[in-house]
């Protein structure tokens, strides 16, 4: 695995994020949780998400051969999370559940909460054709 990131990789991440992001985005529980979840808990959720994405990417895409590819690994994990977050924002916007203008804190929190399961779908689908 080198530094290349092509349209196929982008498509895989978007499809994986969409596949798990859509059902959760329709959940009223996720909408309500975004209004009440404290910042500390949200931070822990984001850290856990990145940790699990990293663990999965390490095991399935990079294996034991990561020493010389740590920057590629980090870019892959954080890039997949960022793309997932944007996909979730788009899904929530299309459902009129992304109040960016009226209440941007809730909008950001809502997207971060839903990005957790969506990011796992994204990294799993992204790993299908790697090494």
Protein backbone atom coordinates (compact mmCIF):
# COMPACT_ATOMS: atom_id res chain seq x y z
CA UNK A 1 0.00 0.00 0.00
CA UNK A 2 1.51 3.28 -1.07
CA UNK A 3 0.37 6.89 -1.04
CA UNK A 4 -2.13 6.44 -3.87
CA UNK A 5 -5.73 7.29 -3.21
CA UNK A 6 -7.97 7.03 -6.24
CA UNK A 7 -11.63 7.33 -7.17
CA UNK A 8 -12.21 3.68 -6.30
CA UNK A 9 -10.95 4.25 -2.76
CA UNK A 10 -13.14 7.33 -2.40
CA UNK A 11 -16.14 5.42 -3.73
CA UNK A 12 -15.57 2.55 -1.32
CA UNK A 13 -15.36 4.88 1.67
CA UNK A 14 -18.47 6.81 0.60
CA UNK A 15 -20.49 3.64 -0.02
CA UNK A 16 -19.43 2.10 3.29
CA UNK A 17 -20.23 5.30 5.18
CA UNK A 18 -23.56 5.63 3.43
CA UNK A 19 -24.51 1.99 4.07
CA UNK A 20 -24.22 2.32 7.83
CA UNK A 21 -24.86 6.04 8.12
CA UNK A 22 -28.32 6.06 6.54
CA UNK A 23 -30.12 3.74 8.99
CA UNK A 24 -28.66 5.52 12.01
CA UNK A 25 -29.45 8.93 10.51
CA UNK A 26 -33.14 8.02 10.50
CA UNK A 27 -33.02 7.25 14.21
CA UNK A 28 -34.68 9.77 16.47
CA UNK A 29 -32.62 8.40 19.35
CA UNK A 30 -29.43 9.60 17.62
CA UNK A 31 -31.00 13.03 17.07
CA UNK A 32 -31.96 13.32 20.74
CA UNK A 33 -28.62 12.00 21.96
CA UNK A 34 -26.88 14.79 20.08
CA UNK A 35 -28.80 17.34 22.12
CA UNK A 36 -27.88 15.86 25.51
CA UNK A 37 -24.48 14.17 25.18
CA UNK A 38 -21.80 16.07 27.11
CA UNK A 39 -18.65 17.18 25.29
CA UNK A 40 -16.44 14.82 27.30
CA UNK A 41 -18.50 11.81 26.27
CA UNK A 42 -18.54 12.98 22.67
CA UNK A 43 -14.75 13.32 22.75
CA UNK A 44 -14.41 9.78 24.08
CA UNK A 45 -16.72 8.57 21.31
CA UNK A 46 -14.56 10.22 18.63
CA UNK A 47 -11.36 8.80 20.14
CA UNK A 48 -12.92 5.32 20.31
CA UNK A 49 -14.06 5.63 16.72
CA UNK A 50 -10.59 6.55 15.50
CA UNK A 51 -9.03 3.80 17.64
CA UNK A 52 -11.32 1.11 16.26
CA UNK A 53 -10.83 2.36 12.71
CA UNK A 54 -7.08 2.30 13.26
CA UNK A 55 -7.17 -1.18 14.75
CA UNK A 56 -9.22 -2.51 11.85
CA UNK A 57 -7.04 -0.80 9.25
CA UNK A 58 -3.90 -2.10 10.96
CA UNK A 59 -5.18 -5.67 11.04
CA UNK A 60 -6.81 -5.87 7.62
CA UNK A 61 -5.00 -3.39 5.40
CA UNK A 62 -1.50 -2.94 6.80
CA UNK A 63 -0.85 -6.11 8.77
CA UNK A 64 2.46 -6.39 10.51
CA UNK A 65 4.14 -4.38 7.76
CA UNK A 66 3.47 -0.88 9.09
CA UNK A 67 6.80 0.47 10.32
CA UNK A 68 7.71 2.30 7.13
CA UNK A 69 4.10 3.23 6.38
CA UNK A 70 2.88 4.97 9.54
CA UNK A 71 2.14 8.27 7.72
CA UNK A 72 0.12 6.40 5.06
CA UNK A 73 -1.75 4.57 7.82
CA UNK A 74 -2.60 7.79 9.68
CA UNK A 75 -3.69 9.59 6.50
CA UNK A 76 -5.86 6.60 5.56
CA UNK A 77 -7.63 6.45 8.94
CA UNK A 78 -8.11 10.20 9.41
CA UNK A 79 -9.01 10.66 5.74
CA UNK A 80 -11.65 7.94 5.91
CA UNK A 81 -13.06 9.54 9.06
CA UNK A 82 -13.21 12.97 7.46
CA UNK A 83 -14.92 11.63 4.32
CA UNK A 84 -17.36 9.69 6.50
CA UNK A 85 -18.13 12.80 8.53
CA UNK A 86 -18.91 14.73 5.33
CA UNK A 87 -21.14 11.92 4.04
CA UNK A 88 -23.04 11.88 7.34
CA UNK A 89 -23.45 15.68 7.18
CA UNK A 90 -24.91 15.33 3.69
CA UNK A 91 -27.30 12.58 4.81
CA UNK A 92 -28.47 14.62 7.80
CA UNK A 93 -28.84 17.73 5.66
CA UNK A 94 -31.01 15.83 3.19
CA UNK A 95 -33.20 14.67 6.09
CA UNK A 96 -33.44 18.23 7.44
CA UNK A 97 -31.74 17.09 10.64
CA UNK A 98 -28.55 19.14 10.33
CA UNK A 99 -29.35 22.53 11.90
CA UNK A 100 -26.04 24.15 11.00
CA UNK A 101 -27.41 27.70 10.96
CA UNK A 102 -29.86 27.45 13.87
CA UNK A 103 -27.84 25.27 16.25
CA UNK A 104 -24.41 24.40 14.89
CA UNK A 105 -23.34 22.64 18.10
CA UNK A 106 -26.16 20.12 17.79
CA UNK A 107 -25.43 19.71 14.09
CA UNK A 108 -21.76 18.92 14.70
CA UNK A 109 -22.53 16.61 17.62
CA UNK A 110 -25.20 14.79 15.63
CA UNK A 111 -22.81 14.18 12.76
CA UNK A 112 -20.04 12.99 15.11
CA UNK A 113 -22.38 10.53 16.83
CA UNK A 114 -23.64 9.05 13.57
CA UNK A 115 -20.13 9.03 12.10
CA UNK A 116 -19.09 6.33 14.56
CA UNK A 117 -20.96 3.41 12.99
CA UNK A 118 -20.70 4.94 9.53
CA UNK A 119 -16.91 5.15 9.78
CA UNK A 120 -16.65 1.46 10.59
CA UNK A 121 -18.63 0.69 7.44
CA UNK A 122 -16.37 3.00 5.48
CA UNK A 123 -13.08 1.47 6.64
CA UNK A 124 -14.38 -2.08 6.20
CA UNK A 125 -15.51 -1.51 2.61
CA UNK A 126 -12.29 0.38 1.90
CA UNK A 127 -10.26 -2.65 2.97
CA UNK A 128 -11.92 -5.14 0.62
CA UNK A 129 -9.35 -4.98 -2.16
CA UNK A 130 -6.24 -3.97 -0.27
CA UNK A 131 -3.14 -6.15 -0.14
